[in-house]
C-alpha cells in the first residue's frame, strides 16, 4: 500500500512540475525592427502592442535594426524577436558570403510572410526591351549599358548580383563591355535616372514603390521581366518567393503607363525569434497572431500576407519548437 501511495505522489509531483514548466511567466522581450520611423519599426510596434493586449504577461520593447543585422542579433541573443527577409536570413543562418563570415545557428522563425518586396528592373522605354535577358544580351554582345544598382553592404546587392549570375554575367562584364554601373541609394537612383545618367535601374522595394513611380513619371519607362527559370533558381539558391504563391508578379497599373503584368523575383518578410526564447512564450505569440487575424491585419497592411495555414512553411530558417507546436495542434502541419 505504501508503494502505491508513493507512486501516486510521484506521479502527481511529476505532473505538477511539468505543468509549472509549461506555465507562462511574465517576460520582457526585445524586438529588433528597422530604422526608427520606418515601416518595419511601425509594423513591429503595432504587432507588439497586439500581443501585449492579448497577453499582458508578454511585454515587448521595439529597437532599431535592419535586414542584415537582425538575424545575427537574434541568433546571438542580443534580441529575442526580429523582422527578417527570407533570403537574407538564409544567408545569415548558413554564414554565406558576402554578407556573413560565419553561420548564425540559433536564429529561428515563427512564421511568414509578413510583407513582400519585388526586384524592379526599370528601363528606358526607348531602349525597346521587355526582358532582363535582352539587357544581358546587350552586355554579352559588348554593347555599353549604364545602370544604377544598390549600395555595397546592403542586402539588396547580393540578390541583384545572383540574378545577373543566373543570366551569365557579372558587374565586371558590364564594365568590360564599355558600360558603367553606379552604386546608389534610392533617392540618388531617381536622380541618376531622371537626369539620364543611366538608362537602367535595379531596386528592391515593396509595391507601389515611390522611387519607381517617380522614375516612371520622369520619362517613358518599362519594367523588364525575369524568366520562370530565374525565379525557380532564386528560390532554390536563396529562398526567395516561389511562383506557386502568385506573388512573383508586379501587376499592371502599378506605375504610370505600366499596362501589363511583369514577372519579378520576389522576397518576403518573416518573423524571427531566438532559439533560446522559451517554447511556451513562442507558442503563445504564435497563437495570438494566428487567432486574431483581423486585428493583426488592421495593425499594419504588410501583415496581410501572413496566413496561418501556410505561415509555417514560408520561412527560410528552422521553425521554433513553440511555433511548430501550435501549427501542429491546429492541423496546419502534419
C-alpha atoms as a PDB file:
ATOM      1  CA  UNK A   1       0.000   0.000   0.000  1.00  0.00           C
ATOM      2  CA  UNK A   2       2.845   2.348   0.822  1.00  0.00           C
ATOM      3  CA  UNK A   3       4.343   1.645  -2.596  1.00  0.00           C
ATOM      4  CA  UNK A   4       1.068   2.586  -4.257  1.00  0.00           C
ATOM      5  CA  UNK A   5       0.855   5.829  -2.285  1.00  0.00           C
ATOM      6  CA  UNK A   6       4.461   6.626  -3.096  1.00  0.00           C
ATOM      7  CA  UNK A   7       3.817   6.012  -6.796  1.00  0.00           C
ATOM      8  CA  UNK A   8       0.757   8.276  -6.770  1.00  0.00           C
ATOM      9  CA  UNK A   9       2.679  11.033  -5.019  1.00  0.00           C
ATOM     10  CA  UNK A  10       5.495  10.786  -7.572  1.00  0.00           C
ATOM     11  CA  UNK A  11       3.060  10.901 -10.471  1.00  0.00           C
ATOM     12  CA  UNK A  12       1.294  13.961  -9.047  1.00  0.00           C
ATOM     13  CA  UNK A  13       4.587  15.677  -8.332  1.00  0.00           C
ATOM     14  CA  UNK A  14       5.792  14.963 -11.849  1.00  0.00           C
ATOM     15  CA  UNK A  15       2.561  16.325 -13.323  1.00  0.00           C
ATOM     16  CA  UNK A  16       2.880  19.461 -11.174  1.00  0.00           C
ATOM     17  CA  UNK A  17       6.462  20.028 -12.310  1.00  0.00           C
ATOM     18  CA  UNK A  18       5.505  19.573 -15.972  1.00  0.00           C
ATOM     19  CA  UNK A  19       2.561  21.944 -15.625  1.00  0.00           C
ATOM     20  CA  UNK A  20       4.747  24.536 -13.931  1.00  0.00           C
ATOM     21  CA  UNK A  21       7.334  24.245 -16.700  1.00  0.00           C
ATOM     22  CA  UNK A  22       4.622  24.994 -19.260  1.00  0.00           C
ATOM     23  CA  UNK A  23       3.108  27.879 -17.309  1.00  0.00           C
ATOM     24  CA  UNK A  24       3.640  31.248 -18.961  1.00  0.00           C
ATOM     25  CA  UNK A  25       5.577  33.558 -16.657  1.00  0.00           C
ATOM     26  CA  UNK A  26       5.902  37.337 -17.095  1.00  0.00           C
ATOM     27  CA  UNK A  27       8.593  38.107 -19.648  1.00  0.00           C
ATOM     28  CA  UNK A  28      10.029  41.183 -21.359  1.00  0.00           C
ATOM     29  CA  UNK A  29      11.327  40.659 -24.886  1.00  0.00           C
ATOM     30  CA  UNK A  30      13.295  42.817 -27.297  1.00  0.00           C
ATOM     31  CA  UNK A  31      12.136  43.045 -30.927  1.00  0.00           C
ATOM     32  CA  UNK A  32      14.695  44.336 -33.427  1.00  0.00           C
ATOM     33  CA  UNK A  33      12.980  46.027 -36.374  1.00  0.00           C
ATOM     34  CA  UNK A  34      14.126  48.688 -38.852  1.00  0.00           C
ATOM     35  CA  UNK A  35      15.048  52.337 -38.579  1.00  0.00           C
ATOM     36  CA  UNK A  36      13.036  54.494 -36.179  1.00  0.00           C
ATOM     37  CA  UNK A  37      10.054  55.912 -38.045  1.00  0.00           C
ATOM     38  CA  UNK A  38      10.343  53.376 -40.871  1.00  0.00           C
ATOM     39  CA  UNK A  39       7.846  50.739 -41.983  1.00  0.00           C
ATOM     40  CA  UNK A  40       9.379  47.827 -40.086  1.00  0.00           C
ATOM     41  CA  UNK A  41       9.592  49.853 -36.864  1.00  0.00           C
ATOM     42  CA  UNK A  42       5.931  50.833 -37.060  1.00  0.00           C
ATOM     43  CA  UNK A  43       4.886  47.314 -38.010  1.00  0.00           C
ATOM     44  CA  UNK A  44       6.765  45.776 -35.076  1.00  0.00           C
ATOM     45  CA  UNK A  45       5.294  48.316 -32.662  1.00  0.00           C
ATOM     46  CA  UNK A  46       1.753  47.571 -33.809  1.00  0.00           C
ATOM     47  CA  UNK A  47       2.188  43.796 -33.547  1.00  0.00           C
ATOM     48  CA  UNK A  48       3.939  44.081 -30.176  1.00  0.00           C
ATOM     49  CA  UNK A  49       1.009  46.116 -28.832  1.00  0.00           C
ATOM     50  CA  UNK A  50      -1.449  43.491 -30.063  1.00  0.00           C
ATOM     51  CA  UNK A  51       0.487  40.692 -28.363  1.00  0.00           C
ATOM     52  CA  UNK A  52       0.630  42.589 -25.063  1.00  0.00           C
ATOM     53  CA  UNK A  53      -3.071  43.408 -25.261  1.00  0.00           C
ATOM     54  CA  UNK A  54      -3.961  39.740 -25.659  1.00  0.00           C
ATOM     55  CA  UNK A  55      -1.376  38.522 -23.148  1.00  0.00           C
ATOM     56  CA  UNK A  56      -0.237  41.149 -20.590  1.00  0.00           C
ATOM     57  CA  UNK A  57       2.484  38.802 -19.297  1.00  0.00           C
ATOM     58  CA  UNK A  58       4.401  39.376 -22.553  1.00  0.00           C
ATOM     59  CA  UNK A  59       5.935  42.838 -22.809  1.00  0.00           C
ATOM     60  CA  UNK A  60       7.885  43.681 -25.963  1.00  0.00           C
ATOM     61  CA  UNK A  61      10.305  46.555 -26.482  1.00  0.00           C
ATOM     62  CA  UNK A  62      10.976  47.531 -30.119  1.00  0.00           C
ATOM     63  CA  UNK A  63      14.512  48.635 -31.025  1.00  0.00           C
ATOM     64  CA  UNK A  64      16.002  49.808 -34.342  1.00  0.00           C
ATOM     65  CA  UNK A  65      17.824  47.408 -36.623  1.00  0.00           C
ATOM     66  CA  UNK A  66      17.995  46.372 -40.273  1.00  0.00           C
ATOM     67  CA  UNK A  67      17.717  43.409 -42.616  1.00  0.00           C
ATOM     68  CA  UNK A  68      21.387  42.381 -42.469  1.00  0.00           C
ATOM     69  CA  UNK A  69      21.949  42.724 -38.710  1.00  0.00           C
ATOM     70  CA  UNK A  70      18.618  41.410 -37.425  1.00  0.00           C
ATOM     71  CA  UNK A  71      19.217  37.646 -37.865  1.00  0.00           C
ATOM     72  CA  UNK A  72      22.687  37.983 -36.333  1.00  0.00           C
ATOM     73  CA  UNK A  73      21.416  39.743 -33.224  1.00  0.00           C
ATOM     74  CA  UNK A  74      18.516  37.349 -32.832  1.00  0.00           C
ATOM     75  CA  UNK A  75      20.869  34.374 -33.112  1.00  0.00           C
ATOM     76  CA  UNK A  76      23.321  35.864 -30.591  1.00  0.00           C
ATOM     77  CA  UNK A  77      20.524  36.628 -28.111  1.00  0.00           C
ATOM     78  CA  UNK A  78      21.021  40.404 -28.276  1.00  0.00           C
ATOM     79  CA  UNK A  79      17.392  40.495 -29.441  1.00  0.00           C
ATOM     80  CA  UNK A  80      14.616  37.984 -28.800  1.00  0.00           C
ATOM     81  CA  UNK A  81      12.481  38.745 -31.858  1.00  0.00           C
ATOM     82  CA  UNK A  82      13.200  40.426 -35.160  1.00  0.00           C
ATOM     83  CA  UNK A  83      11.962  41.136 -38.646  1.00  0.00           C
ATOM     84  CA  UNK A  84      13.845  39.317 -41.346  1.00  0.00           C
ATOM     85  CA  UNK A  85      13.886  38.944 -45.114  1.00  0.00           C
ATOM     86  CA  UNK A  86      13.874  35.305 -46.144  1.00  0.00           C
ATOM     87  CA  UNK A  87      16.859  35.267 -48.486  1.00  0.00           C
ATOM     88  CA  UNK A  88      18.977  37.358 -46.087  1.00  0.00           C
ATOM     89  CA  UNK A  89      18.045  35.133 -43.149  1.00  0.00           C
ATOM     90  CA  UNK A  90      19.034  32.039 -45.109  1.00  0.00           C
ATOM     91  CA  UNK A  91      22.429  33.588 -45.852  1.00  0.00           C
ATOM     92  CA  UNK A  92      22.839  34.564 -42.193  1.00  0.00           C
ATOM     93  CA  UNK A  93      21.894  31.098 -40.918  1.00  0.00           C
ATOM     94  CA  UNK A  94      24.389  29.456 -43.274  1.00  0.00           C
ATOM     95  CA  UNK A  95      27.079  32.147 -42.947  1.00  0.00           C
ATOM     96  CA  UNK A  96      27.085  32.798 -46.683  1.00  0.00           C
ATOM     97  CA  UNK A  97      29.372  35.413 -48.247  1.00  0.00           C
ATOM     98  CA  UNK A  98      29.457  38.278 -48.993  1.00  0.00           C
ATOM     99  CA  UNK A  99      27.154  39.373 -46.169  1.00  0.00           C
ATOM    100  CA  UNK A 100      28.284  36.949 -43.483  1.00  0.00           C
ATOM    101  CA  UNK A 101      31.592  35.474 -42.357  1.00  0.00           C
ATOM    102  CA  UNK A 102      30.188  32.747 -40.109  1.00  0.00           C
ATOM    103  CA  UNK A 103      26.881  30.929 -39.522  1.00  0.00           C
ATOM    104  CA  UNK A 104      24.256  32.182 -37.101  1.00  0.00           C
ATOM    105  CA  UNK A 105      22.827  28.858 -35.937  1.00  0.00           C
ATOM    106  CA  UNK A 106      20.387  29.990 -33.238  1.00  0.00           C
ATOM    107  CA  UNK A 107      18.064  32.092 -35.364  1.00  0.00           C
ATOM    108  CA  UNK A 108      14.578  30.569 -35.680  1.00  0.00           C
ATOM    109  CA  UNK A 109      11.277  31.587 -37.262  1.00  0.00           C
ATOM    110  CA  UNK A 110       7.719  31.996 -36.040  1.00  0.00           C
ATOM    111  CA  UNK A 111       6.204  32.399 -39.499  1.00  0.00           C
ATOM    112  CA  UNK A 112       5.914  34.281 -42.761  1.00  0.00           C
ATOM    113  CA  UNK A 113       5.118  36.066 -44.969  1.00  0.00           C
ATOM    114  CA  UNK A 114       4.955  39.460 -43.303  1.00  0.00           C
ATOM    115  CA  UNK A 115       5.075  41.716 -46.343  1.00  0.00           C
ATOM    116  CA  UNK A 116       6.884  41.135 -49.624  1.00  0.00           C
ATOM    117  CA  UNK A 117       9.206  43.025 -51.943  1.00  0.00           C
ATOM    118  CA  UNK A 118       9.965  42.957 -55.668  1.00  0.00           C
ATOM    119  CA  UNK A 119      13.180  43.321 -57.622  1.00  0.00           C
ATOM    120  CA  UNK A 120      12.362  46.040 -60.162  1.00  0.00           C
ATOM    121  CA  UNK A 121      14.424  46.239 -63.356  1.00  0.00           C
ATOM    122  CA  UNK A 122      13.465  49.712 -64.590  1.00  0.00           C
ATOM    123  CA  UNK A 123      14.416  50.567 -68.178  1.00  0.00           C
ATOM    124  CA  UNK A 124      14.049  53.498 -70.537  1.00  0.00           C
ATOM    125  CA  UNK A 125      11.239  52.509 -72.915  1.00  0.00           C
ATOM    126  CA  UNK A 126      13.249  53.948 -75.809  1.00  0.00           C
ATOM    127  CA  UNK A 127      15.668  51.020 -75.481  1.00  0.00           C
ATOM    128  CA  UNK A 128      12.888  48.764 -76.778  1.00  0.00           C
ATOM    129  CA  UNK A 129      13.312  45.956 -74.249  1.00  0.00           C
ATOM    130  CA  UNK A 130      10.888  43.882 -72.243  1.00  0.00           C
ATOM    131  CA  UNK A 131      13.061  41.255 -70.511  1.00  0.00           C
ATOM    132  CA  UNK A 132      16.182  41.056 -68.366  1.00  0.00           C
ATOM    133  CA  UNK A 133      17.525  38.571 -70.914  1.00  0.00           C
ATOM    134  CA  UNK A 134      17.606  41.333 -73.550  1.00  0.00           C
ATOM    135  CA  UNK A 135      19.581  43.577 -71.198  1.00  0.00           C
ATOM    136  CA  UNK A 136      22.063  40.770 -70.546  1.00  0.00           C
ATOM    137  CA  UNK A 137      22.351  40.036 -74.257  1.00  0.00           C
ATOM    138  CA  UNK A 138      23.466  43.626 -74.826  1.00  0.00           C
ATOM    139  CA  UNK A 139      26.267  43.199 -72.305  1.00  0.00           C
ATOM    140  CA  UNK A 140      27.295  39.844 -73.779  1.00  0.00           C
ATOM    141  CA  UNK A 141      27.415  41.459 -77.213  1.00  0.00           C
ATOM    142  CA  UNK A 142      29.866  44.065 -75.925  1.00  0.00           C
ATOM    143  CA  UNK A 143      27.365  46.920 -76.011  1.00  0.00           C
ATOM    144  CA  UNK A 144      27.707  49.586 -73.275  1.00  0.00           C
ATOM    145  CA  UNK A 145      24.895  49.996 -70.746  1.00  0.00           C
ATOM    146  CA  UNK A 146      24.625  52.409 -67.831  1.00  0.00           C
ATOM    147  CA  UNK A 147      22.832  51.050 -64.794  1.00  0.00           C
ATOM    148  CA  UNK A 148      22.197  52.092 -61.179  1.00  0.00           C
ATOM    149  CA  UNK A 149      22.337  49.295 -58.608  1.00  0.00           C
ATOM    150  CA  UNK A 150      22.056  49.038 -54.794  1.00  0.00           C
ATOM    151  CA  UNK A 151      24.836  50.085 -52.446  1.00  0.00           C
ATOM    152  CA  UNK A 152      27.639  47.789 -51.296  1.00  0.00           C
ATOM    153  CA  UNK A 153      26.993  46.272 -47.893  1.00  0.00           C
ATOM    154  CA  UNK A 154      23.223  46.173 -48.348  1.00  0.00           C
ATOM    155  CA  UNK A 155      21.166  43.001 -48.564  1.00  0.00           C
ATOM    156  CA  UNK A 156      19.868  44.216 -51.938  1.00  0.00           C
ATOM    157  CA  UNK A 157      23.160  43.979 -53.841  1.00  0.00           C
ATOM    158  CA  UNK A 158      23.816  40.211 -53.430  1.00  0.00           C
ATOM    159  CA  UNK A 159      20.387  39.303 -54.792  1.00  0.00           C
ATOM    160  CA  UNK A 160      20.888  41.547 -57.838  1.00  0.00           C
ATOM    161  CA  UNK A 161      24.307  40.003 -58.444  1.00  0.00           C
ATOM    162  CA  UNK A 162      22.840  36.489 -58.160  1.00  0.00           C
ATOM    163  CA  UNK A 163      20.169  37.302 -60.759  1.00  0.00           C
ATOM    164  CA  UNK A 164      22.868  38.543 -63.139  1.00  0.00           C
ATOM    165  CA  UNK A 165      24.940  35.412 -62.473  1.00  0.00           C
ATOM    166  CA  UNK A 166      21.947  33.278 -63.368  1.00  0.00           C
ATOM    167  CA  UNK A 167      21.845  35.029 -66.739  1.00  0.00           C
ATOM    168  CA  UNK A 168      25.583  34.547 -67.201  1.00  0.00           C
ATOM    169  CA  UNK A 169      27.127  37.949 -66.483  1.00  0.00           C
ATOM    170  CA  UNK A 170      28.734  39.862 -63.613  1.00  0.00           C
ATOM    171  CA  UNK A 171      29.122  43.544 -62.814  1.00  0.00           C
ATOM    172  CA  UNK A 172      32.667  43.320 -64.176  1.00  0.00           C
ATOM    173  CA  UNK A 173      31.240  42.243 -67.530  1.00  0.00           C
ATOM    174  CA  UNK A 174      29.239  45.471 -67.666  1.00  0.00           C
ATOM    175  CA  UNK A 175      32.475  47.448 -67.390  1.00  0.00           C
ATOM    176  CA  UNK A 176      34.311  45.192 -69.834  1.00  0.00           C
ATOM    177  CA  UNK A 177      31.629  45.919 -72.433  1.00  0.00           C
ATOM    178  CA  UNK A 178      32.231  49.651 -72.069  1.00  0.00           C
ATOM    179  CA  UNK A 179      29.315  50.315 -69.753  1.00  0.00           C
ATOM    180  CA  UNK A 180      29.076  51.716 -66.235  1.00  0.00           C
ATOM    181  CA  UNK A 181      27.309  50.776 -63.036  1.00  0.00           C
ATOM    182  CA  UNK A 182      26.650  53.130 -60.139  1.00  0.00           C
ATOM    183  CA  UNK A 183      26.077  52.049 -56.537  1.00  0.00           C
ATOM    184  CA  UNK A 184      23.407  54.376 -55.201  1.00  0.00           C
ATOM    185  CA  UNK A 185      20.762  54.840 -52.536  1.00  0.00           C
ATOM    186  CA  UNK A 186      17.236  55.005 -53.893  1.00  0.00           C
ATOM    187  CA  UNK A 187      16.979  58.804 -53.838  1.00  0.00           C
ATOM    188  CA  UNK A 188      20.159  59.043 -55.902  1.00  0.00           C
ATOM    189  CA  UNK A 189      18.912  56.330 -58.264  1.00  0.00           C
ATOM    190  CA  UNK A 190      15.932  58.535 -59.053  1.00  0.00           C
ATOM    191  CA  UNK A 191      18.206  61.497 -59.807  1.00  0.00           C
ATOM    192  CA  UNK A 192      20.551  59.442 -61.972  1.00  0.00           C
ATOM    193  CA  UNK A 193      17.609  58.131 -63.981  1.00  0.00           C
ATOM    194  CA  UNK A 194      15.743  61.440 -64.278  1.00  0.00           C
ATOM    195  CA  UNK A 195      18.903  63.204 -65.410  1.00  0.00           C
ATOM    196  CA  UNK A 196      19.586  60.428 -67.947  1.00  0.00           C
ATOM    197  CA  UNK A 197      22.950  59.452 -66.484  1.00  0.00           C
ATOM    198  CA  UNK A 198      21.626  55.868 -66.543  1.00  0.00           C
ATOM    199  CA  UNK A 199      19.047  54.057 -68.661  1.00  0.00           C
ATOM    200  CA  UNK A 200      18.509  51.148 -66.261  1.00  0.00           C
ATOM    201  CA  UNK A 201      17.882  50.946 -62.510  1.00  0.00           C
ATOM    202  CA  UNK A 202      17.528  47.918 -60.245  1.00  0.00           C
ATOM    203  CA  UNK A 203      15.613  48.369 -56.979  1.00  0.00           C
ATOM    204  CA  UNK A 204      14.357  46.041 -54.229  1.00  0.00           C
ATOM    205  CA  UNK A 205      11.156  47.615 -52.905  1.00  0.00           C
ATOM    206  CA  UNK A 206       7.558  46.853 -51.992  1.00  0.00           C
ATOM    207  CA  UNK A 207       4.917  47.935 -54.482  1.00  0.00           C
ATOM    208  CA  UNK A 208       3.991  50.548 -55.354  1.00  0.00           C
ATOM    209  CA  UNK A 209       7.478  51.938 -54.747  1.00  0.00           C
ATOM    210  CA  UNK A 210       7.594  55.731 -54.556  1.00  0.00           C
ATOM    211  CA  UNK A 211      11.062  55.838 -56.123  1.00  0.00           C
ATOM    212  CA  UNK A 212       9.926  53.774 -59.105  1.00  0.00           C
ATOM    213  CA  UNK A 213       6.774  55.862 -59.501  1.00  0.00           C
ATOM    214  CA  UNK A 214       8.957  58.954 -59.708  1.00  0.00           C
ATOM    215  CA  UNK A 215      11.157  57.328 -62.344  1.00  0.00           C
ATOM    216  CA  UNK A 216       8.140  56.381 -64.462  1.00  0.00           C
ATOM    217  CA  UNK A 217       6.810  59.913 -64.146  1.00  0.00           C
ATOM    218  CA  UNK A 218      10.104  61.434 -65.288  1.00  0.00           C
ATOM    219  CA  UNK A 219      10.451  59.528 -68.574  1.00  0.00           C
ATOM    220  CA  UNK A 220       8.634  56.815 -70.507  1.00  0.00           C
ATOM    221  CA  UNK A 221       9.712  53.586 -68.835  1.00  0.00           C
ATOM    222  CA  UNK A 222       9.122  49.846 -68.668  1.00  0.00           C
ATOM    223  CA  UNK A 223       9.879  47.033 -66.258  1.00  0.00           C
ATOM    224  CA  UNK A 224      11.955  44.136 -67.546  1.00  0.00           C
ATOM    225  CA  UNK A 225      10.611  40.660 -66.836  1.00  0.00           C
ATOM    226  CA  UNK A 226      12.618  37.733 -65.486  1.00  0.00           C
ATOM    227  CA  UNK A 227      12.021  34.164 -66.635  1.00  0.00           C
ATOM    228  CA  UNK A 228      10.308  31.320 -64.792  1.00  0.00           C
ATOM    229  CA  UNK A 229      13.685  29.607 -64.636  1.00  0.00           C
ATOM    230  CA  UNK A 230      15.249  32.629 -62.944  1.00  0.00           C
ATOM    231  CA  UNK A 231      12.530  32.742 -60.282  1.00  0.00           C
ATOM    232  CA  UNK A 232      12.916  28.993 -59.661  1.00  0.00           C
ATOM    233  CA  UNK A 233      16.696  29.306 -59.426  1.00  0.00           C
ATOM    234  CA  UNK A 234      16.495  32.168 -56.936  1.00  0.00           C
ATOM    235  CA  UNK A 235      14.065  30.237 -54.766  1.00  0.00           C
ATOM    236  CA  UNK A 236      16.328  27.182 -54.707  1.00  0.00           C
ATOM    237  CA  UNK A 237      19.531  29.162 -54.191  1.00  0.00           C
ATOM    238  CA  UNK A 238      18.453  31.933 -51.816  1.00  0.00           C
ATOM    239  CA  UNK A 239      14.998  31.045 -50.546  1.00  0.00           C
ATOM    240  CA  UNK A 240      13.096  33.783 -52.369  1.00  0.00           C
ATOM    241  CA  UNK A 241       9.363  33.507 -53.028  1.00  0.00           C
ATOM    242  CA  UNK A 242       8.177  30.717 -55.326  1.00  0.00           C
ATOM    243  CA  UNK A 243       5.888  31.102 -58.338  1.00  0.00           C
ATOM    244  CA  UNK A 244       3.234  28.923 -56.688  1.00  0.00           C
ATOM    245  CA  UNK A 245       2.390  31.796 -54.319  1.00  0.00           C
ATOM    246  CA  UNK A 246       1.257  34.061 -57.147  1.00  0.00           C
ATOM    247  CA  UNK A 247       3.368  36.879 -55.668  1.00  0.00           C
ATOM    248  CA  UNK A 248       6.142  36.911 -58.275  1.00  0.00           C
ATOM    249  CA  UNK A 249       4.363  39.473 -60.419  1.00  0.00           C
ATOM    250  CA  UNK A 250       4.297  43.264 -60.495  1.00  0.00           C
ATOM    251  CA  UNK A 251       0.717  43.906 -61.643  1.00  0.00           C
ATOM    252  CA  UNK A 252      -0.308  46.183 -64.477  1.00  0.00           C
ATOM    253  CA  UNK A 253      -1.214  49.757 -63.481  1.00  0.00           C
ATOM    254  CA  UNK A 254       1.174  49.703 -60.515  1.00  0.00           C
ATOM    255  CA  UNK A 255       3.093  52.583 -62.146  1.00  0.00           C
ATOM    256  CA  UNK A 256       2.173  55.363 -64.619  1.00  0.00           C
ATOM    257  CA  UNK A 257       1.825  53.958 -68.118  1.00  0.00           C
ATOM    258  CA  UNK A 258       2.540  50.448 -66.852  1.00  0.00           C
ATOM    259  CA  UNK A 259      -0.054  48.396 -68.714  1.00  0.00           C
ATOM    260  CA  UNK A 260       0.896  44.741 -68.287  1.00  0.00           C
ATOM    261  CA  UNK A 261       1.866  42.266 -65.593  1.00  0.00           C
ATOM    262  CA  UNK A 262       5.608  41.617 -65.359  1.00  0.00           C
ATOM    263  CA  UNK A 263       7.294  38.672 -63.671  1.00  0.00           C
ATOM    264  CA  UNK A 264       9.792  39.604 -60.954  1.00  0.00           C
ATOM    265  CA  UNK A 265      11.989  37.976 -58.347  1.00  0.00           C
ATOM    266  CA  UNK A 266      10.175  38.498 -55.057  1.00  0.00           C
ATOM    267  CA  UNK A 267      11.393  38.391 -51.476  1.00  0.00           C
ATOM    268  CA  UNK A 268       9.346  38.322 -48.296  1.00  0.00           C
ATOM    269  CA  UNK A 269       9.477  39.204 -44.642  1.00  0.00           C
ATOM    270  CA  UNK A 270       9.389  36.668 -41.824  1.00  0.00           C
ATOM    271  CA  UNK A 271       9.209  36.928 -38.036  1.00  0.00           C
ATOM    272  CA  UNK A 272      12.414  35.709 -36.414  1.00  0.00           C
ATOM    273  CA  UNK A 273      12.927  34.521 -32.842  1.00  0.00           C
ATOM    274  CA  UNK A 274      15.906  33.337 -30.836  1.00  0.00           C
ATOM    275  CA  UNK A 275      16.186  29.603 -30.216  1.00  0.00           C
ATOM    276  CA  UNK A 276      16.630  30.495 -26.521  1.00  0.00           C
ATOM    277  CA  UNK A 277      13.166  32.027 -26.110  1.00  0.00           C
ATOM    278  CA  UNK A 278      11.087  29.506 -24.107  1.00  0.00           C
ATOM    279  CA  UNK A 279       8.707  27.269 -26.024  1.00  0.00           C
ATOM    280  CA  UNK A 280       5.637  28.433 -24.099  1.00  0.00           C
ATOM    281  CA  UNK A 281       6.389  32.070 -24.932  1.00  0.00           C
ATOM    282  CA  UNK A 282       6.748  31.416 -28.666  1.00  0.00           C
ATOM    283  CA  UNK A 283       3.688  29.145 -28.630  1.00  0.00           C
ATOM    284  CA  UNK A 284       1.651  31.947 -27.037  1.00  0.00           C
ATOM    285  CA  UNK A 285       2.859  34.574 -29.513  1.00  0.00           C
ATOM    286  CA  UNK A 286       2.112  32.277 -32.455  1.00  0.00           C
ATOM    287  CA  UNK A 287      -1.354  31.555 -31.101  1.00  0.00           C
ATOM    288  CA  UNK A 288      -2.110  35.268 -30.680  1.00  0.00           C
ATOM    289  CA  UNK A 289      -1.002  36.089 -34.235  1.00  0.00           C
ATOM    290  CA  UNK A 290      -2.941  33.223 -35.790  1.00  0.00           C
ATOM    291  CA  UNK A 291      -6.148  33.628 -33.807  1.00  0.00           C
ATOM    292  CA  UNK A 292      -6.516  37.399 -34.087  1.00  0.00           C
ATOM    293  CA  UNK A 293      -6.051  37.839 -37.817  1.00  0.00           C
ATOM    294  CA  UNK A 294      -8.439  40.748 -38.358  1.00  0.00           C
ATOM    295  CA  UNK A 295      -6.721  42.759 -35.643  1.00  0.00           C
ATOM    296  CA  UNK A 296      -3.318  41.710 -36.960  1.00  0.00           C
ATOM    297  CA  UNK A 297      -4.243  42.851 -40.463  1.00  0.00           C
ATOM    298  CA  UNK A 298      -5.619  46.149 -39.171  1.00  0.00           C
ATOM    299  CA  UNK A 299      -2.454  46.730 -37.161  1.00  0.00           C
ATOM    300  CA  UNK A 300      -0.363  47.044 -40.343  1.00  0.00           C
ATOM    301  CA  UNK A 301      -1.132  46.321 -44.026  1.00  0.00           C
ATOM    302  CA  UNK A 302       2.091  44.300 -44.503  1.00  0.00           C
ATOM    303  CA  UNK A 303       0.700  41.698 -42.097  1.00  0.00           C
ATOM    304  CA  UNK A 304      -2.000  40.731 -44.600  1.00  0.00           C
ATOM    305  CA  UNK A 305       0.316  38.288 -46.371  1.00  0.00           C
ATOM    306  CA  UNK A 306       0.606  36.189 -43.199  1.00  0.00           C
ATOM    307  CA  UNK A 307      -1.784  33.223 -43.455  1.00  0.00           C
ATOM    308  CA  UNK A 308      -1.616  30.705 -40.570  1.00  0.00           C
ATOM    309  CA  UNK A 309      -2.282  27.659 -42.747  1.00  0.00           C
ATOM    310  CA  UNK A 310       0.871  28.339 -44.782  1.00  0.00           C
ATOM    311  CA  UNK A 311       2.843  30.640 -42.465  1.00  0.00           C
ATOM    312  CA  UNK A 312       4.812  27.725 -41.039  1.00  0.00           C
ATOM    313  CA  UNK A 313       6.328  26.823 -44.408  1.00  0.00           C
ATOM    314  CA  UNK A 314       7.012  30.304 -45.815  1.00  0.00           C
ATOM    315  CA  UNK A 315      10.221  30.689 -43.834  1.00  0.00           C
ATOM    316  CA  UNK A 316      13.951  30.408 -44.598  1.00  0.00           C
ATOM    317  CA  UNK A 317      15.339  29.298 -41.212  1.00  0.00           C
ATOM    318  CA  UNK A 318      14.218  26.468 -38.881  1.00  0.00           C
ATOM    319  CA  UNK A 319      10.845  26.828 -37.191  1.00  0.00           C
ATOM    320  CA  UNK A 320      10.952  27.392 -33.424  1.00  0.00           C
ATOM    321  CA  UNK A 321       9.503  24.384 -31.495  1.00  0.00           C
ATOM    322  CA  UNK A 322       6.949  26.644 -29.812  1.00  0.00           C
ATOM    323  CA  UNK A 323       5.584  27.784 -33.175  1.00  0.00           C
ATOM    324  CA  UNK A 324       5.693  24.247 -34.534  1.00  0.00           C
ATOM    325  CA  UNK A 325       3.660  23.019 -31.563  1.00  0.00           C
ATOM    326  CA  UNK A 326       0.873  25.482 -32.362  1.00  0.00           C
ATOM    327  CA  UNK A 327       0.822  24.788 -36.113  1.00  0.00           C
ATOM    328  CA  UNK A 328       0.641  21.037 -35.456  1.00  0.00           C
ATOM    329  CA  UNK A 329      -2.122  21.392 -32.860  1.00  0.00           C
ATOM    330  CA  UNK A 330      -4.228  23.285 -35.413  1.00  0.00           C
ATOM    331  CA  UNK A 331      -3.564  20.702 -38.119  1.00  0.00           C
ATOM    332  CA  UNK A 332      -1.659  23.072 -40.415  1.00  0.00           C
ATOM    333  CA  UNK A 333       1.454  20.920 -40.128  1.00  0.00           C
ATOM    334  CA  UNK A 334       1.057  17.172 -40.474  1.00  0.00           C
END
